[in-house]
Amino acid sequence: MSQDKIDIKDVTPKTYNPKTHKGNGDRFNPSNRIYVRESKGTYQKLRRYGGWFLLLLFALIPWIPYGERQAILLDIGNQQFNFFGTTLYPQDLTLLALLFVIAAFGLFFITTFLGRVWCGYLCPQTVWTFMYIWFEEKLEGSANKRRKQDSNKLTANLAMRKTIKHIAWFAIALATGFTFVGYFVPMKQLVIDFFTFNANFWPVFWVMFFAICTYGNAGWMRSIMCIHMCPYARFQSAMFDKDTFIVGYDAKRGEKRGPRPRKADPKQLGLGDCIDCDLCVQVCPTGIDIRDGLQYECINCGACIDACDNTMDRMGYEKGLISYTTEHRLSGKSTKVMRPKLLGYGAVLLVMIGLFFAQIAAVDPAGMSVIRDRNQLFRVNSSGEVENTYTLKVINKTQQVQEYSLDVEGLSDVSWYGKQTIQVQPGEVLNLPMSLGADPDKLNSAITTIQFILTDKSNEFTIEVESRFIKKL
C-alpha cells in the first residue's frame, strides 16, 4: 500500500479564517451573545441623531391630524389610503407598486454608491437594536461589566436591574406596536379602545404581535437578524463593485500589528499603526473583525471607524486606519464615482420617480363605476319605454363635501329615473340606483353604447364611464 501523502492546502477565504479570527464570539453560533461596547465619535453621533429623528418621526406621524382625519392612514377596513389631502383606493394600487419599485431602485443606487449605509444608519432593526443597547448600558453598565456579571452568580441587585431593563424594553416594544398599528387603524380611537378594554380582537392581536416581535428582534436576536435572516446581506454582493464605499482597514499601513509604548516609533519596532487593541471588534454590533477584510456581516455603521480614530488620536497617529473607502483606493488605484451600473440605477430611479408624480397628478379627485342590473337586461315600463337599470358607484376622493351632476350621452330623448344631482361626503362611496328609459323605435340597434358623465359643481373635471343600453329584442 502506498505511503504517499496528499498535501492539504488551506483554502479558507481571507474574509473569515477560524485560526486567526478575533471576532466578538462565534458569529455562526446564534446562541453566542455579543456584548457591544459603546463607541463615541463623528459617525456614531450622526447615527444616533439620525436614529432619534427617525424614531420621533415614526412616533408622531399617526398623531398628525389633517382636517377631521388622520393625515396618513392606510385604512384597510374601508379600503382606502389617506395621505393628507389625497385619498387612494384599490384601483390606485399602481401608485403603491411604483412606490415599491422606487424604494427598491433607491436601495440599489445607495448600495452601489455607499454600500450598506441603509443597514448601518436607517434600518429599523439597527435603530431599535442600538436604542435597546443604550438602555442596557445605562441600567447594567458597560460591555465588560455586563460580560462579567453574566458569568457570575445572579445577585438580587442585578436581578432588579435586569427586570427594570426588560420592563423598559417591553414598554418600548408596546409603544412600537401601538404606533405601527396606528398607521392602519385611527390612532386616537385605538388608544382609547385599548385602555378602556373596548378594542376589537384583531387590533389588540397586531399590537401585541408587533410588540413581541420588536422585543425579540431588538432585545434578543439583534445581529442574528442581520447575519442569518436578512436577505439583503446575501444579495448585496451583486450590487457591490470595486468602487463601492465600504468600511475598510488599510492593511499596508496597519500591519504588522502589535502593542507598543505610546511614544515609541513603530517603524523602529517593525510595526504598523495598528496597536492590536481589538476595540474595533468590541464595538462591532455584528461581532466581526474588520481587519479580516470585507465581510457580508458588516453593516457600515462606522462604529469601528470611530473607535480606531480615537485610538489613533491617543497614540498621536494619523486617523483613517479604518475608514469609509473603496477596494480600489485600498489597492492604490483611483475610485470612479460615475460608472455605468450606478448611472443605470440612477436613471431608472429618476424615471420611476417621474412616473410616480405623473400618476399622482393624474389621479382624479373623484371616481365612478357603472354596474348593470344582472337579473334583468331590460323591461318595458308603463310608458312603453325600454328601461335599463344601473347602479352608479361614485367615490369622493377629496377631504371636502362635493356636489356632482350626472348625465348620459349616446341616447336621444332619454328618460332619467333617479337623482341627477348628488352630494357625496369626503371619502364616501355612494351607491346610486337609477334607470334609463328610451323609445324602442328610436334605437337603431339592439345594443347601444352609452357614456355616463360625472361632473363636479365647479365643472373643473369630468369623468366618463362607458356602458351598454339593451332594447327589447
Protein backbone atom coordinates (compact mmCIF):
# COMPACT_ATOMS: atom_id res chain seq x y z
CA MET A 1 0.00 0.00 0.00
CA SER A 2 1.44 3.38 -0.98
CA GLN A 3 2.63 5.63 1.84
CA ASP A 4 2.49 8.81 -0.29
CA LYS A 5 0.60 11.64 1.34
CA ILE A 6 -1.52 14.22 -0.41
CA ASP A 7 -0.62 17.78 0.55
CA ILE A 8 -3.52 19.67 2.09
CA LYS A 9 -3.86 23.34 1.34
CA ASP A 10 -5.96 25.73 3.46
CA VAL A 11 -8.39 27.39 1.04
CA THR A 12 -10.48 29.18 3.67
CA PRO A 13 -11.39 32.65 2.29
CA LYS A 14 -9.44 35.52 3.78
CA THR A 15 -12.65 37.18 4.87
CA TYR A 16 -13.03 34.58 7.63
CA ASN A 17 -10.22 32.35 8.91
CA PRO A 18 -11.16 30.49 12.12
CA LYS A 19 -7.49 30.14 13.03
CA THR A 20 -6.81 33.87 13.10
CA HIS A 21 -10.26 35.39 13.52
CA LYS A 22 -10.66 37.62 16.57
CA GLY A 23 -14.34 38.39 16.19
CA ASN A 24 -16.62 39.12 19.14
CA GLY A 25 -17.74 35.50 19.65
CA ASP A 26 -18.51 32.76 17.13
CA ARG A 27 -20.78 34.61 14.72
CA PHE A 28 -22.06 31.36 13.21
CA ASN A 29 -23.45 30.28 16.59
CA PRO A 30 -26.80 32.08 17.11
CA SER A 31 -26.74 31.33 20.85
CA ASN A 32 -23.45 33.20 21.37
CA ARG A 33 -24.20 36.61 22.81
CA ILE A 34 -22.31 39.68 21.59
CA TYR A 35 -21.58 42.35 24.21
CA VAL A 36 -21.36 45.56 22.19
CA ARG A 37 -19.07 48.20 23.63
CA GLU A 38 -20.17 51.83 23.35
CA SER A 39 -18.38 53.79 20.66
CA LYS A 40 -18.16 57.57 20.50
CA GLY A 41 -17.25 59.69 17.53
CA THR A 42 -18.47 61.56 14.47
CA TYR A 43 -20.23 58.68 12.77
CA GLN A 44 -21.89 57.48 15.96
CA LYS A 45 -23.23 60.99 16.60
CA LEU A 46 -24.62 61.03 13.08
CA ARG A 47 -26.18 57.59 13.58
CA ARG A 48 -27.68 58.50 16.97
CA TYR A 49 -29.13 61.83 15.85
CA GLY A 50 -30.48 60.24 12.69
CA GLY A 51 -31.94 57.35 14.67
CA TRP A 52 -33.68 59.58 17.20
CA PHE A 53 -35.06 61.72 14.38
CA LEU A 54 -36.50 58.66 12.61
CA LEU A 55 -37.96 57.33 15.87
CA LEU A 56 -39.59 60.69 16.57
CA LEU A 57 -40.95 60.86 13.03
CA PHE A 58 -42.30 57.30 13.25
CA ALA A 59 -44.00 58.03 16.59
CA LEU A 60 -45.54 61.40 15.68
CA ILE A 61 -46.91 60.79 12.16
CA PRO A 62 -50.01 58.81 13.29
CA TRP A 63 -50.94 61.67 15.63
CA ILE A 64 -50.86 64.37 12.95
CA PRO A 65 -54.41 65.45 12.01
CA TYR A 66 -55.48 66.74 8.62
CA GLY A 67 -58.95 68.22 8.68
CA GLU A 68 -61.16 65.77 10.51
CA ARG A 69 -58.94 62.77 9.71
CA GLN A 70 -55.55 61.32 10.47
CA ALA A 71 -53.08 62.77 7.98
CA ILE A 72 -51.62 59.39 6.98
CA LEU A 73 -53.84 56.33 7.37
CA LEU A 74 -53.83 53.06 5.45
CA ASP A 75 -57.43 52.17 6.23
CA ILE A 76 -57.68 48.52 5.23
CA GLY A 77 -61.22 48.14 6.57
CA ASN A 78 -62.56 50.87 4.30
CA GLN A 79 -60.09 50.03 1.51
CA GLN A 80 -58.61 53.50 1.25
CA PHE A 81 -55.28 55.20 1.86
CA ASN A 82 -55.42 58.75 3.17
CA PHE A 83 -52.31 60.82 2.56
CA PHE A 84 -53.04 64.35 3.75
CA GLY A 85 -55.45 65.74 1.13
CA THR A 86 -55.28 62.74 -1.20
CA THR A 87 -57.31 59.55 -0.83
CA LEU A 88 -56.29 56.49 -2.82
CA TYR A 89 -58.41 53.40 -3.44
CA PRO A 90 -57.68 49.83 -4.62
CA GLN A 91 -57.88 50.97 -8.23
CA ASP A 92 -54.94 53.30 -7.50
CA LEU A 93 -52.66 50.48 -6.33
CA THR A 94 -50.38 51.02 -9.32
CA LEU A 95 -49.08 54.00 -7.35
CA LEU A 96 -48.20 51.73 -4.45
CA ALA A 97 -46.44 49.34 -6.84
CA LEU A 98 -44.46 52.27 -8.27
CA LEU A 99 -43.55 53.35 -4.75
CA PHE A 100 -42.12 49.91 -4.00
CA VAL A 101 -40.16 49.97 -7.28
CA ILE A 102 -38.77 53.41 -6.37
CA ALA A 103 -37.77 52.13 -2.92
CA ALA A 104 -36.07 49.09 -4.47
CA PHE A 105 -34.07 51.05 -7.03
CA GLY A 106 -33.29 53.71 -4.42
CA LEU A 107 -31.80 50.97 -2.26
CA PHE A 108 -29.88 49.56 -5.24
CA PHE A 109 -28.49 53.00 -6.08
CA ILE A 110 -27.46 53.81 -2.50
CA THR A 111 -25.91 50.36 -2.00
CA THR A 112 -23.89 50.53 -5.23
CA PHE A 113 -22.65 54.00 -4.31
CA LEU A 114 -22.29 53.98 -0.50
CA GLY A 115 -22.51 50.32 0.48
CA ARG A 116 -24.72 49.23 3.36
CA VAL A 117 -25.32 52.68 4.88
CA TRP A 118 -29.04 51.84 4.96
CA CYS A 119 -28.25 48.96 7.33
CA GLY A 120 -25.90 50.98 9.49
CA TYR A 121 -27.90 54.18 9.86
CA LEU A 122 -31.55 53.83 8.78
CA CYS A 123 -32.68 50.21 9.07
CA PRO A 124 -35.32 49.81 11.83
CA GLN A 125 -33.51 46.71 13.11
CA THR A 126 -30.35 48.78 13.65
CA VAL A 127 -32.14 51.82 15.11
CA TRP A 128 -34.14 49.76 17.61
CA THR A 129 -31.19 47.50 18.48
CA PHE A 130 -28.89 50.41 19.32
CA MET A 131 -31.70 52.00 21.36
CA TYR A 132 -32.09 48.78 23.35
CA ILE A 133 -28.31 48.54 23.84
CA TRP A 134 -28.32 52.14 25.13
CA PHE A 135 -30.92 51.23 27.78
CA GLU A 136 -28.95 48.09 28.62
CA GLU A 137 -25.75 50.07 29.11
CA LYS A 138 -27.44 52.67 31.32
CA LEU A 139 -29.08 50.03 33.55
CA GLU A 140 -26.43 47.28 33.67
CA GLY A 141 -23.16 49.02 32.88
CA SER A 142 -20.51 48.76 30.17
CA ALA A 143 -19.98 45.75 27.92
CA ASN A 144 -17.13 44.39 30.06
CA LYS A 145 -19.18 44.83 33.22
CA ARG A 146 -22.17 43.06 31.67
CA ARG A 147 -19.97 40.19 30.50
CA LYS A 148 -18.52 39.71 33.99
CA GLN A 149 -21.93 39.99 35.65
CA ASP A 150 -23.46 37.39 33.35
CA SER A 151 -20.60 34.97 34.00
CA ASN A 152 -21.07 35.23 37.78
CA LYS A 153 -23.93 34.22 40.04
CA LEU A 154 -27.07 36.34 39.74
CA THR A 155 -27.45 38.77 42.65
CA ALA A 156 -30.60 40.48 43.91
CA ASN A 157 -29.33 43.88 42.73
CA LEU A 158 -28.52 42.59 39.25
CA ALA A 159 -31.85 40.77 39.05
CA MET A 160 -33.67 44.00 39.88
CA ARG A 161 -31.74 45.96 37.24
CA LYS A 162 -32.35 43.26 34.63
CA THR A 163 -36.06 43.28 35.49
CA ILE A 164 -36.22 47.06 35.06
CA LYS A 165 -34.36 46.70 31.75
CA HIS A 166 -36.81 44.15 30.39
CA ILE A 167 -39.78 46.23 31.55
CA ALA A 168 -38.31 49.23 29.72
CA TRP A 169 -37.64 47.08 26.64
CA PHE A 170 -41.20 45.76 26.55
CA ALA A 171 -42.65 49.24 27.15
CA ILE A 172 -40.73 50.47 24.09
CA ALA A 173 -41.90 47.41 22.16
CA LEU A 174 -45.53 48.01 23.16
CA ALA A 175 -45.28 51.67 22.09
CA THR A 176 -43.79 50.47 18.79
CA GLY A 177 -46.67 48.02 18.28
CA PHE A 178 -49.23 50.74 19.01
CA THR A 179 -47.55 53.18 16.66
CA PHE A 180 -47.26 50.69 13.81
CA VAL A 181 -50.91 49.59 14.07
CA GLY A 182 -51.83 53.29 14.29
CA TYR A 183 -50.87 53.60 10.62
CA PHE A 184 -53.70 51.18 9.77
CA VAL A 185 -56.29 51.96 12.48
CA PRO A 186 -57.13 55.53 13.65
CA MET A 187 -54.58 56.09 16.40
CA LYS A 188 -56.66 58.08 18.89
CA GLN A 189 -59.52 55.61 18.79
CA LEU A 190 -57.09 52.68 19.06
CA VAL A 191 -55.53 54.02 22.26
CA ILE A 192 -58.91 54.87 23.82
CA ASP A 193 -60.39 51.46 22.96
CA PHE A 194 -57.29 49.60 24.15
CA PHE A 195 -57.07 51.21 27.58
CA THR A 196 -60.84 51.12 28.15
CA PHE A 197 -60.90 47.41 27.17
CA ASN A 198 -63.28 48.09 24.27
CA ALA A 199 -60.88 47.24 21.45
CA ASN A 200 -61.68 44.50 18.96
CA PHE A 201 -59.60 41.34 18.87
CA TRP A 202 -57.56 41.99 15.71
CA PRO A 203 -56.15 45.45 16.60
CA VAL A 204 -55.10 44.11 20.01
CA PHE A 205 -53.62 40.99 18.40
CA TRP A 206 -51.49 43.00 15.97
CA VAL A 207 -50.34 45.45 18.66
CA MET A 208 -49.14 42.55 20.80
CA PHE A 209 -47.71 40.69 17.80
CA PHE A 210 -45.52 43.62 16.73
CA ALA A 211 -44.61 44.36 20.36
CA ILE A 212 -43.36 40.80 20.86
CA CYS A 213 -41.51 40.89 17.51
CA THR A 214 -39.82 44.19 18.43
CA TYR A 215 -38.87 42.92 21.89
CA GLY A 216 -37.46 39.70 20.44
CA ASN A 217 -35.64 41.24 17.48
CA ALA A 218 -34.06 44.28 19.15
CA GLY A 219 -33.60 42.78 22.61
CA TRP A 220 -32.53 39.22 21.91
CA MET A 221 -31.85 38.42 18.25
CA ARG A 222 -30.09 41.66 17.28
CA SER A 223 -27.25 40.85 14.88
CA ILE A 224 -28.64 37.35 14.26
CA MET A 225 -31.30 39.05 12.13
CA CYS A 226 -28.62 40.86 10.11
CA ILE A 227 -26.31 37.87 9.71
CA HIS A 228 -28.60 34.87 9.33
CA MET A 229 -32.09 36.09 8.39
CA CYS A 230 -31.93 39.35 6.40
CA PRO A 231 -31.77 38.59 2.65
CA TYR A 232 -30.22 41.97 1.92
CA ALA A 233 -26.89 40.84 3.38
CA ARG A 234 -26.84 37.97 0.91
CA PHE A 235 -27.66 39.71 -2.35
CA GLN A 236 -25.70 42.90 -1.68
CA SER A 237 -22.63 41.35 -3.34
CA ALA A 238 -24.46 41.56 -6.66
CA MET A 239 -24.56 45.36 -6.27
CA PHE A 240 -21.07 45.93 -4.86
CA ASP A 241 -18.10 46.66 -7.09
CA LYS A 242 -14.54 47.81 -6.51
CA ASP A 243 -15.69 51.45 -6.36
CA THR A 244 -18.45 50.94 -3.76
CA PHE A 245 -17.76 52.71 -0.47
CA ILE A 246 -17.15 50.20 2.30
CA VAL A 247 -15.69 50.18 5.79
CA GLY A 248 -12.12 49.10 5.12
CA TYR A 249 -8.90 48.51 7.03
CA ASP A 250 -5.67 49.81 5.48
CA ALA A 251 -3.51 46.70 5.90
CA LYS A 252 -0.49 48.33 4.21
CA ARG A 253 -0.42 50.98 6.91
CA GLY A 254 -1.62 48.87 9.83
CA GLU A 255 0.48 45.70 9.52
CA LYS A 256 2.38 44.38 11.32
CA ARG A 257 0.07 44.73 14.31
CA GLY A 258 1.22 44.83 17.90
CA PRO A 259 1.22 46.75 21.18
CA ARG A 260 3.88 49.37 21.85
CA PRO A 261 4.61 52.27 24.22
CA ARG A 262 2.73 55.43 23.31
CA LYS A 263 5.82 57.45 22.38
CA ALA A 264 7.65 54.65 20.61
CA ASP A 265 8.40 54.82 16.90
CA PRO A 266 6.52 51.89 15.29
CA LYS A 267 8.95 51.77 12.35
CA GLN A 268 11.89 51.12 14.66
CA LEU A 269 9.90 48.30 16.26
CA GLY A 270 8.98 46.85 12.88
CA LEU A 271 5.29 47.53 13.47
CA GLY A 272 2.49 49.22 11.58
CA ASP A 273 0.00 51.69 13.03
CA CYS A 274 -2.42 49.05 14.35
CA ILE A 275 -1.74 48.51 18.07
CA ASP A 276 -3.98 45.40 18.13
CA CYS A 277 -6.25 46.83 20.85
CA ASP A 278 -9.28 44.99 19.40
CA LEU A 279 -11.58 47.96 20.10
CA CYS A 280 -12.81 47.74 16.51
CA VAL A 281 -14.08 44.23 17.32
CA GLN A 282 -15.56 45.15 20.69
CA VAL A 283 -17.73 47.96 19.30
CA CYS A 284 -18.98 45.99 16.28
CA PRO A 285 -22.71 45.14 16.60
CA THR A 286 -22.27 42.00 14.47
CA GLY A 287 -19.09 40.88 16.21
CA ILE A 288 -16.70 40.79 13.24
CA ASP A 289 -13.08 41.85 12.90
CA ILE A 290 -12.96 44.36 10.04
CA ARG A 291 -9.21 43.73 9.74
CA ASP A 292 -10.01 40.32 8.22
CA GLY A 293 -11.28 42.13 5.11
CA LEU A 294 -14.65 42.84 3.51
CA GLN A 295 -17.38 40.65 5.03
CA TYR A 296 -21.08 40.43 4.29
CA GLU A 297 -21.86 40.83 8.01
CA CYS A 298 -20.51 44.41 8.04
CA ILE A 299 -23.42 46.87 8.17
CA ASN A 300 -21.32 50.02 7.54
CA CYS A 301 -22.34 51.62 10.86
CA GLY A 302 -18.89 53.17 11.29
CA ALA A 303 -18.53 52.16 14.96
CA CYS A 304 -15.10 50.63 14.31
CA ILE A 305 -14.01 53.77 12.44
CA ASP A 306 -14.76 55.99 15.44
CA ALA A 307 -13.13 53.55 17.87
CA CYS A 308 -9.98 53.33 15.75
CA ASP A 309 -9.81 57.10 15.16
CA ASN A 310 -9.98 57.68 18.93
CA THR A 311 -7.12 55.22 19.42
CA MET A 312 -5.05 56.88 16.68
CA ASP A 313 -5.63 60.24 18.40
CA ARG A 314 -4.37 58.90 21.72
CA MET A 315 -1.31 57.39 20.06
CA GLY A 316 -0.59 60.56 18.07
CA TYR A 317 -1.07 58.80 14.72
CA GLU A 318 -2.99 59.95 11.68
CA LYS A 319 -6.67 58.99 11.63
CA GLY A 320 -8.14 56.79 8.91
CA LEU A 321 -6.54 53.41 9.57
CA ILE A 322 -10.13 52.15 9.35
CA SER A 323 -12.29 54.37 7.17
CA TYR A 324 -15.03 54.62 4.59
CA THR A 325 -13.10 53.78 1.45
CA THR A 326 -13.22 51.59 -1.66
CA GLU A 327 -11.39 48.43 -2.65
CA HIS A 328 -9.73 50.34 -5.49
CA ARG A 329 -8.49 53.01 -3.10
CA LEU A 330 -7.15 50.40 -0.67
CA SER A 331 -5.17 48.82 -3.53
CA GLY A 332 -3.73 52.19 -4.55
CA LYS A 333 -6.00 52.80 -7.55
CA SER A 334 -8.36 55.70 -8.20
CA THR A 335 -12.07 55.45 -7.42
CA LYS A 336 -14.58 56.01 -10.22
CA VAL A 337 -17.76 57.59 -8.90
CA MET A 338 -19.58 57.88 -12.24
CA ARG A 339 -19.78 54.33 -13.59
CA PRO A 340 -22.31 52.51 -15.82
CA LYS A 341 -24.05 50.46 -13.13
CA LEU A 342 -24.52 53.44 -10.82
CA LEU A 343 -25.72 55.65 -13.68
CA GLY A 344 -28.12 52.91 -14.79
CA TYR A 345 -29.68 52.60 -11.34
CA GLY A 346 -29.89 56.39 -11.10
CA ALA A 347 -31.57 56.73 -14.49
CA VAL A 348 -34.18 54.07 -13.70
CA LEU A 349 -34.78 55.68 -10.30
CA LEU A 350 -35.39 59.10 -11.86
CA VAL A 351 -37.75 57.62 -14.46
CA MET A 352 -39.74 55.80 -11.75
CA ILE A 353 -39.97 58.96 -9.62
CA GLY A 354 -41.16 60.92 -12.66
CA LEU A 355 -43.81 58.29 -13.44
CA PHE A 356 -44.95 58.28 -9.83
CA PHE A 357 -45.52 62.03 -9.67
CA ALA A 358 -47.13 62.00 -13.11
CA GLN A 359 -49.59 59.37 -11.88
CA ILE A 360 -50.21 61.32 -8.68
CA ALA A 361 -51.03 64.40 -10.75
CA ALA A 362 -53.34 62.33 -12.96
CA VAL A 363 -55.37 60.90 -10.06
CA ASP A 364 -58.94 62.19 -10.35
CA PRO A 365 -60.48 63.77 -7.24
CA ALA A 366 -63.48 61.50 -7.80
CA GLY A 367 -64.26 58.15 -9.32
CA MET A 368 -67.27 56.41 -10.80
CA SER A 369 -68.11 52.88 -11.88
CA VAL A 370 -71.30 51.62 -13.53
CA ILE A 371 -72.86 48.24 -12.77
CA ARG A 372 -75.75 46.94 -14.88
CA ASP A 373 -78.61 45.04 -13.29
CA ARG A 374 -77.63 41.41 -13.85
CA ASN A 375 -81.05 39.99 -13.02
CA GLN A 376 -82.94 41.77 -15.79
CA LEU A 377 -81.39 43.01 -19.03
CA PHE A 378 -84.34 45.30 -19.76
CA ARG A 379 -88.02 45.82 -19.12
CA VAL A 380 -90.84 47.76 -20.73
CA ASN A 381 -92.32 50.35 -18.39
CA SER A 382 -95.86 51.74 -18.31
CA SER A 383 -94.92 54.47 -20.81
CA GLY A 384 -93.86 51.89 -23.40
CA GLU A 385 -90.18 52.74 -22.99
CA VAL A 386 -87.44 50.17 -22.84
CA GLU A 387 -85.88 50.60 -19.43
CA ASN A 388 -82.41 49.51 -18.27
CA THR A 389 -81.39 49.59 -14.61
CA TYR A 390 -77.93 50.53 -13.34
CA THR A 391 -76.10 51.18 -10.09
CA LEU A 392 -73.64 54.08 -10.16
CA LYS A 393 -70.85 53.95 -7.57
CA VAL A 394 -69.45 57.44 -7.01
CA ILE A 395 -66.33 57.96 -4.88
CA ASN A 396 -65.33 61.32 -3.42
CA LYS A 397 -61.54 61.16 -3.03
CA THR A 398 -61.18 64.66 -1.60
CA GLN A 399 -61.38 65.81 2.01
CA GLN A 400 -64.36 68.11 1.36
CA VAL A 401 -68.05 67.55 0.69
CA GLN A 402 -68.59 67.58 -3.08
CA GLU A 403 -71.65 68.05 -5.27
CA TYR A 404 -71.82 66.30 -8.64
CA SER A 405 -74.18 66.28 -11.60
CA LEU A 406 -74.88 63.15 -13.65
CA ASP A 407 -75.81 62.82 -17.31
CA VAL A 408 -75.72 60.31 -20.16
CA GLU A 409 -74.74 60.53 -23.83
CA GLY A 410 -75.43 58.15 -26.69
CA LEU A 411 -79.24 58.04 -26.47
CA SER A 412 -81.72 60.54 -27.90
CA ASP A 413 -84.78 61.60 -25.88
CA VAL A 414 -83.63 59.51 -22.93
CA SER A 415 -85.56 59.49 -19.66
CA TRP A 416 -83.50 59.51 -16.46
CA TYR A 417 -85.18 57.86 -13.47
CA GLY A 418 -83.27 58.77 -10.32
CA LYS A 419 -81.15 61.60 -8.91
CA GLN A 420 -79.06 63.64 -11.33
CA THR A 421 -77.52 65.89 -8.67
CA ILE A 422 -75.85 64.24 -5.71
CA GLN A 423 -73.82 65.29 -2.67
CA VAL A 424 -71.03 62.98 -1.51
CA GLN A 425 -69.18 63.18 1.81
CA PRO A 426 -65.34 63.08 1.98
CA GLY A 427 -64.10 59.57 1.31
CA GLU A 428 -67.63 58.25 0.84
CA VAL A 429 -68.56 55.64 -1.75
CA LEU A 430 -72.14 56.43 -2.76
CA ASN A 431 -74.25 53.70 -4.39
CA LEU A 432 -76.90 55.29 -6.59
CA PRO A 433 -79.56 53.03 -8.18
CA MET A 434 -81.12 54.57 -11.31
CA SER A 435 -82.75 53.66 -14.63
CA LEU A 436 -82.70 54.92 -18.20
CA GLY A 437 -85.74 54.77 -20.46
CA ALA A 438 -85.83 55.18 -24.26
CA ASP A 439 -88.35 54.85 -27.10
CA PRO A 440 -87.56 51.46 -28.76
CA ASP A 441 -88.47 52.86 -32.19
CA LYS A 442 -85.65 55.41 -31.94
CA LEU A 443 -82.99 52.84 -31.13
CA ASN A 444 -81.02 51.77 -34.21
CA SER A 445 -79.56 48.57 -32.75
CA ALA A 446 -80.26 46.00 -30.07
CA ILE A 447 -77.25 47.18 -28.06
CA THR A 448 -76.28 50.85 -27.88
CA THR A 449 -73.00 52.11 -26.42
CA ILE A 450 -73.62 54.95 -23.97
CA GLN A 451 -71.46 57.20 -21.78
CA PHE A 452 -72.31 58.12 -18.20
CA ILE A 453 -70.86 61.52 -17.33
CA LEU A 454 -69.98 62.76 -13.83
CA THR A 455 -69.26 66.49 -13.49
CA ASP A 456 -68.38 68.35 -10.31
CA LYS A 457 -70.27 71.50 -9.36
CA SER A 458 -67.48 73.84 -10.48
CA ASN A 459 -67.00 72.00 -13.81
CA GLU A 460 -63.31 71.54 -13.01
CA PHE A 461 -63.29 67.94 -14.16
CA THR A 462 -65.48 65.39 -15.89
CA ILE A 463 -65.43 61.60 -15.71
CA GLU A 464 -66.89 59.43 -18.47
CA VAL A 465 -67.70 55.75 -17.99
CA GLU A 466 -68.82 53.53 -20.86
CA SER A 467 -71.77 51.13 -20.56
CA ARG A 468 -74.46 49.47 -22.72
CA PHE A 469 -78.18 50.04 -23.25
CA ILE A 470 -80.15 46.98 -24.41
CA LYS A 471 -83.54 47.30 -26.10
CA LYS A 472 -86.34 44.77 -26.49
CA LEU A 473 -85.26 42.01 -28.88
